[in-house]
Amino acid sequence: MKTSHIKLVASITLVTMFSGCTNIKDDGTRTRTEGALAGTAIGAGLGAIIGNQSGRAWEGAAIGAVAGGLTGLAVGNHVAKKKAGYASKEAWLDACISSAEKVNAQTVAYNRNLSSRIKTLEGKIAAAKASGNKTELRNIKQSIATMKQESNKQLGEVNLEIKEQSGVVSETGNATLTNRVSSLKSSQSTLKQNQQRLADLSNQIDV
């Protein structure tokens, strides 16, 4: 099966399933259902594309549909729960935008601080190597390990925020929130780059 055909089937399936969702009156149920169906269709398409490379497109589609459906249901369920806590859709969207802005601001500040700390460590490593101070190098390596743990925690938070707000964007198509998610992804990328810098520094220390 050609990749273009697989994508077409997934797209048609997605449109068909969502047209059925419009008849669901309860907003929370509709949100959960839409999330699950979207995940199923997308997962099936991706699974088929991957499976097609080994001549097992339909098997890949089936596996992808199950995995995608579970992920979509989780996101849809989160969106429904959050929405239920607000008096109006507008208040809910405002809260989502505010949350995305808050997490992004925290991540931007963290990246700035982490980058500064990494630069300081680079100088300390160079000085310790020049003087042959292995004790200092071991201390620095421990500091790097601690910073890795801290950065993983921050990355987990930004990953979760991206996942949650992407679910809201999928449902609403809100342009402002779309831009906030893009900013989050940019901060996420910068954080991953800083993590790679930490890994490189750690590899420079052989003690």
N, C-alpha and C. Protein backbone atom coordinates (compact mmCIF):
# COMPACT_ATOMS: atom_id res chain seq x y z
N MET A 1 0.86 -1.20 0.00
CA MET A 1 0.00 0.00 0.00
C MET A 1 0.89 1.24 0.00
N LYS A 2 0.59 2.19 -0.90
CA LYS A 2 1.39 3.40 -0.98
C LYS A 2 1.14 4.28 0.23
N THR A 3 2.19 5.03 0.62
CA THR A 3 2.07 5.92 1.78
C THR A 3 0.95 6.95 1.58
N SER A 4 0.82 7.47 0.36
CA SER A 4 -0.22 8.47 0.08
C SER A 4 -1.60 7.89 0.28
N HIS A 5 -1.78 6.62 -0.09
CA HIS A 5 -3.07 5.95 0.10
C HIS A 5 -3.37 5.76 1.57
N ILE A 6 -2.36 5.39 2.34
CA ILE A 6 -2.52 5.18 3.77
C ILE A 6 -2.96 6.47 4.45
N LYS A 7 -2.29 7.56 4.10
CA LYS A 7 -2.63 8.86 4.69
C LYS A 7 -4.06 9.25 4.33
N LEU A 8 -4.46 8.96 3.07
CA LEU A 8 -5.80 9.31 2.63
C LEU A 8 -6.85 8.54 3.42
N VAL A 9 -6.60 7.24 3.62
CA VAL A 9 -7.53 6.42 4.39
C VAL A 9 -7.67 6.95 5.80
N ALA A 10 -6.53 7.29 6.44
CA ALA A 10 -6.57 7.81 7.81
C ALA A 10 -7.34 9.12 7.88
N SER A 11 -7.14 9.97 6.87
CA SER A 11 -7.83 11.27 6.87
C SER A 11 -9.33 11.10 6.72
N ILE A 12 -9.73 10.21 5.79
CA ILE A 12 -11.16 9.97 5.58
C ILE A 12 -11.78 9.39 6.83
N THR A 13 -11.06 8.46 7.46
CA THR A 13 -11.55 7.83 8.69
C THR A 13 -11.75 8.87 9.78
N LEU A 14 -10.80 9.78 9.92
CA LEU A 14 -10.87 10.81 10.95
C LEU A 14 -12.07 11.71 10.74
N VAL A 15 -12.30 12.15 9.49
CA VAL A 15 -13.42 13.03 9.19
C VAL A 15 -14.74 12.33 9.46
N THR A 16 -14.83 11.08 9.05
CA THR A 16 -16.06 10.30 9.24
C THR A 16 -16.39 10.13 10.71
N MET A 17 -15.37 9.79 11.52
CA MET A 17 -15.60 9.56 12.94
C MET A 17 -16.01 10.84 13.65
N PHE A 18 -15.40 11.95 13.30
CA PHE A 18 -15.73 13.21 13.97
C PHE A 18 -17.12 13.70 13.60
N SER A 19 -17.57 13.38 12.39
CA SER A 19 -18.92 13.78 12.01
C SER A 19 -19.94 13.10 12.90
N GLY A 20 -19.62 11.90 13.36
CA GLY A 20 -20.51 11.19 14.27
C GLY A 20 -20.49 11.79 15.66
N CYS A 21 -19.39 12.40 16.05
CA CYS A 21 -19.26 12.98 17.38
C CYS A 21 -20.17 14.19 17.58
N THR A 22 -20.55 14.83 16.49
CA THR A 22 -21.36 16.04 16.62
C THR A 22 -22.73 15.75 17.21
N ASN A 23 -23.14 14.48 17.16
CA ASN A 23 -24.45 14.11 17.69
C ASN A 23 -24.42 13.84 19.19
N ILE A 24 -23.23 13.83 19.79
CA ILE A 24 -23.11 13.60 21.22
C ILE A 24 -23.38 14.91 21.95
N LYS A 25 -24.41 14.95 22.77
CA LYS A 25 -24.85 16.19 23.39
C LYS A 25 -23.98 16.60 24.57
N ASP A 26 -23.56 15.64 25.38
CA ASP A 26 -22.77 15.97 26.57
C ASP A 26 -21.37 16.40 26.14
N ASP A 27 -20.98 17.61 26.55
CA ASP A 27 -19.70 18.18 26.11
C ASP A 27 -18.52 17.35 26.56
N GLY A 28 -18.53 16.88 27.81
CA GLY A 28 -17.41 16.10 28.32
C GLY A 28 -17.26 14.79 27.59
N THR A 29 -18.39 14.11 27.35
CA THR A 29 -18.35 12.84 26.63
C THR A 29 -17.85 13.04 25.21
N ARG A 30 -18.31 14.13 24.58
CA ARG A 30 -17.87 14.41 23.22
C ARG A 30 -16.37 14.67 23.16
N THR A 31 -15.86 15.42 24.13
CA THR A 31 -14.44 15.73 24.16
C THR A 31 -13.60 14.46 24.31
N ARG A 32 -14.02 13.58 25.24
CA ARG A 32 -13.29 12.33 25.44
C ARG A 32 -13.34 11.47 24.18
N THR A 33 -14.53 11.41 23.56
CA THR A 33 -14.69 10.59 22.37
C THR A 33 -13.86 11.12 21.21
N GLU A 34 -13.89 12.44 21.03
CA GLU A 34 -13.10 13.04 19.95
C GLU A 34 -11.62 12.77 20.14
N GLY A 35 -11.15 12.87 21.37
CA GLY A 35 -9.74 12.61 21.63
C GLY A 35 -9.37 11.18 21.30
N ALA A 36 -10.20 10.24 21.73
CA ALA A 36 -9.92 8.83 21.47
C ALA A 36 -9.95 8.52 19.98
N LEU A 37 -10.96 9.05 19.28
CA LEU A 37 -11.09 8.78 17.85
C LEU A 37 -9.95 9.41 17.05
N ALA A 38 -9.57 10.62 17.43
CA ALA A 38 -8.46 11.27 16.73
C ALA A 38 -7.18 10.47 16.92
N GLY A 39 -6.95 10.05 18.14
CA GLY A 39 -5.76 9.25 18.42
C GLY A 39 -5.77 7.95 17.65
N THR A 40 -6.94 7.32 17.55
CA THR A 40 -7.06 6.06 16.82
C THR A 40 -6.74 6.24 15.35
N ALA A 41 -7.31 7.27 14.73
CA ALA A 41 -7.09 7.51 13.31
C ALA A 41 -5.64 7.86 13.01
N ILE A 42 -5.10 8.76 13.81
CA ILE A 42 -3.70 9.17 13.60
C ILE A 42 -2.76 7.99 13.85
N GLY A 43 -3.03 7.25 14.93
CA GLY A 43 -2.19 6.09 15.24
C GLY A 43 -2.25 5.05 14.14
N ALA A 44 -3.44 4.83 13.59
CA ALA A 44 -3.60 3.86 12.51
C ALA A 44 -2.81 4.29 11.29
N GLY A 45 -2.88 5.57 10.96
CA GLY A 45 -2.15 6.07 9.80
C GLY A 45 -0.65 5.93 9.94
N LEU A 46 -0.15 6.35 11.12
CA LEU A 46 1.29 6.25 11.35
C LEU A 46 1.74 4.79 11.41
N GLY A 47 0.93 3.95 12.07
CA GLY A 47 1.28 2.54 12.17
C GLY A 47 1.32 1.88 10.81
N ALA A 48 0.39 2.26 9.95
CA ALA A 48 0.35 1.69 8.60
C ALA A 48 1.56 2.12 7.78
N ILE A 49 1.95 3.38 7.93
CA ILE A 49 3.12 3.88 7.21
C ILE A 49 4.37 3.13 7.63
N ILE A 50 4.52 2.96 8.95
CA ILE A 50 5.69 2.24 9.46
C ILE A 50 5.65 0.77 9.03
N GLY A 51 4.45 0.16 9.20
CA GLY A 51 4.31 -1.25 8.84
C GLY A 51 4.48 -1.49 7.36
N ASN A 52 4.12 -0.51 6.55
CA ASN A 52 4.23 -0.65 5.11
C ASN A 52 5.66 -0.86 4.66
N GLN A 53 6.60 -0.30 5.45
CA GLN A 53 8.01 -0.43 5.09
C GLN A 53 8.49 -1.86 5.17
N SER A 54 7.78 -2.68 5.96
CA SER A 54 8.16 -4.09 6.08
C SER A 54 7.09 -4.99 5.46
N GLY A 55 6.18 -4.40 4.67
CA GLY A 55 5.15 -5.17 4.01
C GLY A 55 4.03 -5.62 4.92
N ARG A 56 3.88 -4.97 6.09
CA ARG A 56 2.85 -5.36 7.06
C ARG A 56 2.04 -4.12 7.46
N ALA A 57 1.51 -3.44 6.44
CA ALA A 57 0.82 -2.18 6.68
C ALA A 57 -0.41 -2.33 7.57
N TRP A 58 -1.23 -3.36 7.32
CA TRP A 58 -2.47 -3.49 8.08
C TRP A 58 -2.21 -3.85 9.54
N GLU A 59 -1.18 -4.68 9.75
CA GLU A 59 -0.82 -5.03 11.13
C GLU A 59 -0.34 -3.78 11.86
N GLY A 60 0.48 -2.99 11.19
CA GLY A 60 0.96 -1.74 11.78
C GLY A 60 -0.17 -0.79 12.07
N ALA A 61 -1.16 -0.74 11.18
CA ALA A 61 -2.31 0.14 11.37
C ALA A 61 -3.11 -0.27 12.60
N ALA A 62 -3.28 -1.57 12.80
CA ALA A 62 -4.05 -2.06 13.94
C ALA A 62 -3.36 -1.72 15.26
N ILE A 63 -2.05 -1.95 15.30
CA ILE A 63 -1.30 -1.66 16.52
C ILE A 63 -1.31 -0.16 16.79
N GLY A 64 -1.10 0.63 15.74
CA GLY A 64 -1.09 2.09 15.89
C GLY A 64 -2.43 2.62 16.33
N ALA A 65 -3.52 2.01 15.86
CA ALA A 65 -4.86 2.46 16.23
C ALA A 65 -5.11 2.29 17.71
N VAL A 66 -4.69 1.14 18.26
CA VAL A 66 -4.89 0.88 19.69
C VAL A 66 -4.09 1.85 20.53
N ALA A 67 -2.80 1.99 20.20
CA ALA A 67 -1.92 2.89 20.98
C ALA A 67 -2.40 4.33 20.87
N GLY A 68 -2.75 4.75 19.65
CA GLY A 68 -3.21 6.12 19.46
C GLY A 68 -4.52 6.39 20.16
N GLY A 69 -5.41 5.40 20.16
CA GLY A 69 -6.69 5.58 20.82
C GLY A 69 -6.55 5.78 22.30
N LEU A 70 -5.67 5.02 22.93
CA LEU A 70 -5.45 5.15 24.37
C LEU A 70 -4.87 6.51 24.71
N THR A 71 -3.90 6.96 23.91
CA THR A 71 -3.29 8.28 24.15
C THR A 71 -4.32 9.38 23.94
N GLY A 72 -5.09 9.27 22.87
CA GLY A 72 -6.11 10.28 22.59
C GLY A 72 -7.16 10.34 23.67
N LEU A 73 -7.55 9.20 24.21
CA LEU A 73 -8.55 9.16 25.28
C LEU A 73 -8.02 9.85 26.53
N ALA A 74 -6.74 9.62 26.84
CA ALA A 74 -6.14 10.25 28.03
C ALA A 74 -6.15 11.76 27.90
N VAL A 75 -5.76 12.26 26.72
CA VAL A 75 -5.74 13.70 26.50
C VAL A 75 -7.16 14.26 26.52
N GLY A 76 -8.09 13.56 25.86
CA GLY A 76 -9.48 14.02 25.83
C GLY A 76 -10.09 14.04 27.22
N ASN A 77 -9.76 13.06 28.04
CA ASN A 77 -10.27 12.99 29.40
C ASN A 77 -9.76 14.16 30.22
N HIS A 78 -8.46 14.49 30.04
CA HIS A 78 -7.88 15.63 30.77
C HIS A 78 -8.57 16.93 30.38
N VAL A 79 -8.76 17.11 29.08
CA VAL A 79 -9.41 18.33 28.59
C VAL A 79 -10.81 18.45 29.17
N ALA A 80 -11.55 17.34 29.18
CA ALA A 80 -12.92 17.36 29.69
C ALA A 80 -12.98 17.72 31.17
N LYS A 81 -12.06 17.16 31.95
CA LYS A 81 -12.04 17.44 33.39
C LYS A 81 -11.70 18.90 33.66
N LYS A 82 -10.72 19.42 32.94
CA LYS A 82 -10.33 20.81 33.16
C LYS A 82 -11.47 21.75 32.77
N LYS A 83 -12.11 21.45 31.65
CA LYS A 83 -13.17 22.32 31.15
C LYS A 83 -14.35 22.37 32.13
N ALA A 84 -14.63 21.24 32.76
CA ALA A 84 -15.78 21.14 33.66
C ALA A 84 -15.66 22.07 34.87
N GLY A 85 -14.45 22.50 35.18
CA GLY A 85 -14.24 23.34 36.36
C GLY A 85 -14.47 24.82 36.11
N TYR A 86 -14.85 25.19 34.88
CA TYR A 86 -15.02 26.61 34.56
C TYR A 86 -16.45 26.90 34.10
N ALA A 87 -16.89 28.12 34.37
CA ALA A 87 -18.27 28.51 34.08
C ALA A 87 -18.54 28.64 32.58
N SER A 88 -17.50 28.96 31.81
CA SER A 88 -17.69 29.14 30.37
C SER A 88 -16.47 28.66 29.61
N LYS A 89 -16.64 28.43 28.33
CA LYS A 89 -15.54 28.00 27.48
C LYS A 89 -14.46 29.09 27.43
N GLU A 90 -14.88 30.34 27.43
CA GLU A 90 -13.92 31.45 27.37
C GLU A 90 -13.04 31.48 28.62
N ALA A 91 -13.65 31.26 29.79
CA ALA A 91 -12.88 31.25 31.04
C ALA A 91 -11.90 30.09 31.05
N TRP A 92 -12.34 28.96 30.51
CA TRP A 92 -11.48 27.78 30.44
C TRP A 92 -10.28 28.02 29.52
N LEU A 93 -10.54 28.63 28.36
CA LEU A 93 -9.46 28.92 27.42
C LEU A 93 -8.47 29.93 28.01
N ASP A 94 -9.00 30.93 28.70
CA ASP A 94 -8.13 31.93 29.35
C ASP A 94 -7.21 31.25 30.36
N ALA A 95 -7.77 30.28 31.11
CA ALA A 95 -6.97 29.56 32.11
C ALA A 95 -5.91 28.71 31.43
N CYS A 96 -6.24 28.10 30.30
CA CYS A 96 -5.28 27.29 29.55
C CYS A 96 -4.13 28.15 29.04
N ILE A 97 -4.48 29.31 28.49
CA ILE A 97 -3.47 30.23 27.97
C ILE A 97 -2.57 30.72 29.09
N SER A 98 -3.18 31.06 30.23
CA SER A 98 -2.41 31.52 31.38
C SER A 98 -1.46 30.45 31.89
N SER A 99 -1.93 29.21 31.92
CA SER A 99 -1.09 28.10 32.38
C SER A 99 0.11 27.90 31.45
N ALA A 100 -0.16 27.95 30.15
CA ALA A 100 0.92 27.77 29.16
C ALA A 100 1.95 28.89 29.29
N GLU A 101 1.47 30.11 29.49
CA GLU A 101 2.38 31.25 29.64
C GLU A 101 3.23 31.11 30.90
N LYS A 102 2.61 30.65 31.98
CA LYS A 102 3.32 30.49 33.25
C LYS A 102 4.43 29.45 33.14
N VAL A 103 4.10 28.28 32.57
CA VAL A 103 5.10 27.22 32.44
C VAL A 103 6.22 27.64 31.50
N ASN A 104 5.85 28.37 30.43
CA ASN A 104 6.88 28.81 29.49
C ASN A 104 7.82 29.83 30.15
N ALA A 105 7.25 30.75 30.92
CA ALA A 105 8.08 31.75 31.60
C ALA A 105 9.04 31.07 32.58
N GLN A 106 8.53 30.07 33.30
CA GLN A 106 9.38 29.32 34.23
C GLN A 106 10.51 28.61 33.49
N THR A 107 10.18 28.03 32.34
CA THR A 107 11.17 27.28 31.57
C THR A 107 12.21 28.20 30.95
N VAL A 108 11.77 29.35 30.48
CA VAL A 108 12.70 30.34 29.91
C VAL A 108 13.69 30.80 30.99
N ALA A 109 13.16 31.11 32.18
CA ALA A 109 14.02 31.54 33.28
C ALA A 109 14.97 30.42 33.70
N TYR A 110 14.46 29.20 33.73
CA TYR A 110 15.29 28.06 34.11
C TYR A 110 16.40 27.85 33.08
N ASN A 111 16.07 27.95 31.81
CA ASN A 111 17.08 27.79 30.76
C ASN A 111 18.18 28.85 30.87
N ARG A 112 17.76 30.06 31.18
CA ARG A 112 18.74 31.15 31.31
C ARG A 112 19.70 30.86 32.47
N ASN A 113 19.13 30.43 33.60
CA ASN A 113 19.94 30.11 34.77
C ASN A 113 20.84 28.90 34.51
N LEU A 114 20.27 27.88 33.86
CA LEU A 114 21.04 26.66 33.59
C LEU A 114 22.19 26.94 32.65
N SER A 115 21.94 27.74 31.64
CA SER A 115 22.99 28.09 30.68
C SER A 115 24.14 28.81 31.38
N SER A 116 23.80 29.70 32.31
CA SER A 116 24.83 30.43 33.07
C SER A 116 25.64 29.48 33.94
N ARG A 117 24.96 28.53 34.58
CA ARG A 117 25.65 27.57 35.45
C ARG A 117 26.56 26.65 34.63
N ILE A 118 26.10 26.29 33.43
CA ILE A 118 26.92 25.44 32.56
C ILE A 118 28.19 26.17 32.16
N LYS A 119 28.05 27.45 31.84
CA LYS A 119 29.22 28.25 31.45
C LYS A 119 30.22 28.33 32.60
N THR A 120 29.71 28.47 33.82
CA THR A 120 30.58 28.50 34.99
C THR A 120 31.32 27.17 35.16
N LEU A 121 30.59 26.08 34.95
CA LEU A 121 31.20 24.75 35.08
C LEU A 121 32.28 24.54 34.03
N GLU A 122 32.06 25.06 32.84
CA GLU A 122 33.07 24.92 31.78
C GLU A 122 34.40 25.52 32.22
N GLY A 123 34.32 26.71 32.87
CA GLY A 123 35.52 27.36 33.37
C GLY A 123 36.17 26.56 34.49
N LYS A 124 35.35 26.01 35.38
CA LYS A 124 35.88 25.23 36.49
C LYS A 124 36.54 23.94 36.01
N ILE A 125 35.96 23.32 35.00
CA ILE A 125 36.54 22.09 34.46
C ILE A 125 37.91 22.38 33.84
N ALA A 126 37.98 23.45 33.08
CA ALA A 126 39.24 23.82 32.44
C ALA A 126 40.32 24.08 33.49
N ALA A 127 39.96 24.80 34.56
CA ALA A 127 40.92 25.11 35.61
C ALA A 127 41.34 23.85 36.36
N ALA A 128 40.39 22.98 36.66
CA ALA A 128 40.70 21.75 37.40
C ALA A 128 41.59 20.83 36.57
N LYS A 129 41.34 20.76 35.30
CA LYS A 129 42.17 19.92 34.43
C LYS A 129 43.59 20.48 34.33
N ALA A 130 43.66 21.80 34.24
CA ALA A 130 44.98 22.44 34.12
C ALA A 130 45.83 22.20 35.36
N SER A 131 45.18 22.15 36.52
CA SER A 131 45.91 21.95 37.78
C SER A 131 45.98 20.48 38.20
N GLY A 132 45.29 19.64 37.46
CA GLY A 132 45.29 18.21 37.81
C GLY A 132 44.51 17.91 39.07
N ASN A 133 43.53 18.74 39.39
CA ASN A 133 42.75 18.59 40.62
C ASN A 133 41.58 17.60 40.38
N LYS A 134 41.84 16.32 40.65
CA LYS A 134 40.83 15.29 40.41
C LYS A 134 39.67 15.37 41.40
N THR A 135 39.96 15.82 42.61
CA THR A 135 38.88 15.97 43.60
C THR A 135 37.86 16.99 43.12
N GLU A 136 38.37 18.09 42.59
CA GLU A 136 37.47 19.13 42.06
C GLU A 136 36.68 18.61 40.87
N LEU A 137 37.33 17.81 40.03
CA LEU A 137 36.65 17.25 38.87
C LEU A 137 35.53 16.30 39.29
N ARG A 138 35.78 15.51 40.34
CA ARG A 138 34.74 14.60 40.84
C ARG A 138 33.56 15.39 41.40
N ASN A 139 33.88 16.49 42.10
CA ASN A 139 32.82 17.34 42.65
C ASN A 139 31.98 17.96 41.53
N ILE A 140 32.66 18.37 40.48
CA ILE A 140 31.97 18.98 39.33
C ILE A 140 31.07 17.95 38.66
N LYS A 141 31.58 16.73 38.53
CA LYS A 141 30.78 15.69 37.89
C LYS A 141 29.51 15.40 38.71
N GLN A 142 29.64 15.45 40.02
CA GLN A 142 28.48 15.25 40.88
C GLN A 142 27.48 16.40 40.70
N SER A 143 28.02 17.60 40.58
CA SER A 143 27.15 18.76 40.34
C SER A 143 26.39 18.62 39.03
N ILE A 144 27.08 18.11 38.03
CA ILE A 144 26.45 17.90 36.72
C ILE A 144 25.31 16.89 36.84
N ALA A 145 25.54 15.83 37.60
CA ALA A 145 24.52 14.80 37.79
C ALA A 145 23.27 15.40 38.46
N THR A 146 23.50 16.26 39.45
CA THR A 146 22.38 16.91 40.13
C THR A 146 21.63 17.83 39.18
N MET A 147 22.36 18.56 38.35
CA MET A 147 21.74 19.46 37.39
C MET A 147 20.94 18.69 36.34
N LYS A 148 21.42 17.50 35.99
CA LYS A 148 20.68 16.66 35.05
C LYS A 148 19.33 16.27 35.63
N GLN A 149 19.32 15.91 36.91
CA GLN A 149 18.07 15.53 37.56
C GLN A 149 17.10 16.71 37.60
N GLU A 150 17.64 17.89 37.92
CA GLU A 150 16.80 19.09 37.97
C GLU A 150 16.21 19.40 36.59
N SER A 151 17.05 19.29 35.57
CA SER A 151 16.59 19.62 34.22
C SER A 151 15.57 18.60 33.73
N ASN A 152 15.72 17.35 34.14
CA ASN A 152 14.74 16.33 33.75
C ASN A 152 13.37 16.63 34.35
N LYS A 153 13.38 17.13 35.58
CA LYS A 153 12.12 17.51 36.23
C LYS A 153 11.45 18.65 35.48
N GLN A 154 12.24 19.66 35.13
CA GLN A 154 11.69 20.80 34.38
C GLN A 154 11.20 20.36 33.01
N LEU A 155 11.94 19.48 32.37
CA LEU A 155 11.54 18.98 31.05
C LEU A 155 10.22 18.21 31.16
N GLY A 156 10.08 17.44 32.23
CA GLY A 156 8.84 16.70 32.44
C GLY A 156 7.65 17.63 32.54
N GLU A 157 7.84 18.74 33.24
CA GLU A 157 6.76 19.72 33.41
C GLU A 157 6.37 20.37 32.08
N VAL A 158 7.38 20.75 31.31
CA VAL A 158 7.07 21.41 30.04
C VAL A 158 6.49 20.40 29.04
N ASN A 159 6.95 19.15 29.08
CA ASN A 159 6.39 18.12 28.21
C ASN A 159 4.91 17.90 28.50
N LEU A 160 4.58 17.85 29.79
CA LEU A 160 3.20 17.64 30.19
C LEU A 160 2.32 18.81 29.76
N GLU A 161 2.83 20.02 29.94
CA GLU A 161 2.06 21.21 29.56
C GLU A 161 1.81 21.22 28.05
N ILE A 162 2.83 20.86 27.28
CA ILE A 162 2.68 20.82 25.83
C ILE A 162 1.61 19.80 25.44
N LYS A 163 1.68 18.63 26.07
CA LYS A 163 0.71 17.57 25.76
C LYS A 163 -0.71 18.02 26.10
N GLU A 164 -0.87 18.60 27.28
CA GLU A 164 -2.21 19.00 27.71
C GLU A 164 -2.77 20.12 26.84
N GLN A 165 -1.96 21.15 26.60
CA GLN A 165 -2.47 22.29 25.83
C GLN A 165 -2.60 21.96 24.34
N SER A 166 -1.82 21.01 23.86
CA SER A 166 -1.99 20.56 22.47
C SER A 166 -3.35 19.89 22.32
N GLY A 167 -3.79 19.20 23.38
CA GLY A 167 -5.12 18.60 23.36
C GLY A 167 -6.21 19.66 23.26
N VAL A 168 -6.01 20.76 23.96
CA VAL A 168 -6.98 21.86 23.91
C VAL A 168 -6.97 22.49 22.52
N VAL A 169 -5.78 22.68 21.96
CA VAL A 169 -5.67 23.26 20.62
C VAL A 169 -6.37 22.38 19.60
N SER A 170 -6.20 21.05 19.74
CA SER A 170 -6.84 20.12 18.81
C SER A 170 -8.35 20.26 18.84
N GLU A 171 -8.88 20.54 20.02
CA GLU A 171 -10.35 20.66 20.15
C GLU A 171 -10.85 22.02 19.70
N THR A 172 -10.12 23.08 20.06
CA THR A 172 -10.64 24.44 19.85
C THR A 172 -10.04 25.17 18.65
N GLY A 173 -8.78 24.83 18.31
CA GLY A 173 -8.11 25.56 17.24
C GLY A 173 -7.77 26.99 17.63
N ASN A 174 -7.77 27.29 18.94
CA ASN A 174 -7.54 28.65 19.40
C ASN A 174 -6.15 29.15 18.98
N ALA A 175 -6.11 30.28 18.27
CA ALA A 175 -4.87 30.79 17.70
C ALA A 175 -3.88 31.25 18.78
N THR A 176 -4.40 31.90 19.82
CA THR A 176 -3.53 32.39 20.89
C THR A 176 -2.85 31.22 21.60
N LEU A 177 -3.62 30.20 21.91
CA LEU A 177 -3.05 29.05 22.60
C LEU A 177 -2.10 28.29 21.68
N THR A 178 -2.39 28.28 20.40
CA THR A 178 -1.48 27.65 19.43
C THR A 178 -0.11 28.32 19.48
N ASN A 179 -0.10 29.65 19.56
CA ASN A 179 1.16 30.39 19.66
C ASN A 179 1.88 30.10 20.97
N ARG A 180 1.12 29.95 22.05
CA ARG A 180 1.73 29.66 23.35
C ARG A 180 2.36 28.26 23.35
N VAL A 181 1.70 27.32 22.68
CA VAL A 181 2.26 25.97 22.58
C VAL A 181 3.55 26.00 21.75
N SER A 182 3.58 26.81 20.72
CA SER A 182 4.79 26.95 19.90
C SER A 182 5.94 27.50 20.74
N SER A 183 5.63 28.47 21.61
CA SER A 183 6.65 29.03 22.50
C SER A 183 7.16 27.97 23.48
N LEU A 184 6.23 27.15 23.98
CA LEU A 184 6.62 26.07 24.88
C LEU A 184 7.56 25.09 24.19
N LYS A 185 7.26 24.78 22.94
CA LYS A 185 8.09 23.84 22.19
C LYS A 185 9.49 24.41 21.95
N SER A 186 9.55 25.73 21.75
CA SER A 186 10.84 26.39 21.57
C SER A 186 11.67 26.31 22.85
N SER A 187 11.02 26.55 24.00
CA SER A 187 11.70 26.46 25.29
C SER A 187 12.10 25.02 25.58
N GLN A 188 11.26 24.09 25.17
CA GLN A 188 11.56 22.66 25.32
C GLN A 188 12.84 22.31 24.54
N SER A 189 12.94 22.82 23.32
CA SER A 189 14.11 22.56 22.48
C SER A 189 15.38 23.13 23.11
N THR A 190 15.27 24.34 23.64
CA THR A 190 16.43 24.97 24.29
C THR A 190 16.86 24.16 25.51
N LEU A 191 15.90 23.67 26.27
CA LEU A 191 16.20 22.87 27.45
C LEU A 191 16.92 21.58 27.06
N LYS A 192 16.48 20.96 26.00
CA LYS A 192 17.13 19.73 25.53
C LYS A 192 18.56 20.02 25.08
N GLN A 193 18.77 21.18 24.49
CA GLN A 193 20.12 21.57 24.08
C GLN A 193 21.03 21.75 25.30
N ASN A 194 20.47 22.37 26.34
CA ASN A 194 21.24 22.54 27.56
C ASN A 194 21.56 21.19 28.21
N GLN A 195 20.61 20.27 28.13
CA GLN A 195 20.86 18.93 28.67
C GLN A 195 21.98 18.24 27.91
N GLN A 196 22.03 18.46 26.61
CA GLN A 196 23.11 17.88 25.81
C GLN A 196 24.45 18.50 26.19
N ARG A 197 24.45 19.79 26.50
CA ARG A 197 25.68 20.45 26.96
C ARG A 197 26.15 19.84 28.27
N LEU A 198 25.21 19.53 29.15
CA LEU A 198 25.58 18.88 30.42
C LEU A 198 26.17 17.50 30.17
N ALA A 199 25.56 16.75 29.27
CA ALA A 199 26.07 15.42 28.94
C ALA A 199 27.48 15.50 28.36
N ASP A 200 27.71 16.49 27.51
CA ASP A 200 29.03 16.66 26.92
C ASP A 200 30.09 17.01 27.98
N LEU A 201 29.69 17.86 28.93
CA LEU A 201 30.61 18.23 30.01
C LEU A 201 30.96 17.00 30.85
N SER A 202 29.95 16.21 31.15
CA SER A 202 30.18 15.02 31.96
C SER A 202 31.13 14.06 31.27
N ASN A 203 31.00 13.96 29.95
CA ASN A 203 31.87 13.07 29.19
C ASN A 203 33.31 13.55 29.14
N GLN A 204 33.50 14.84 29.37
CA GLN A 204 34.85 15.41 29.37
C GLN A 204 35.63 15.06 30.65
N ILE A 205 34.89 14.64 31.67
CA ILE A 205 35.51 14.37 32.96
C ILE A 205 35.73 12.87 33.13
N ASP A 206 36.95 12.44 33.16
CA ASP A 206 37.27 11.02 33.28
C ASP A 206 37.96 10.78 34.61
N VAL A 207 37.17 10.70 35.68
CA VAL A 207 37.75 10.47 37.03
C VAL A 207 36.95 9.39 37.73
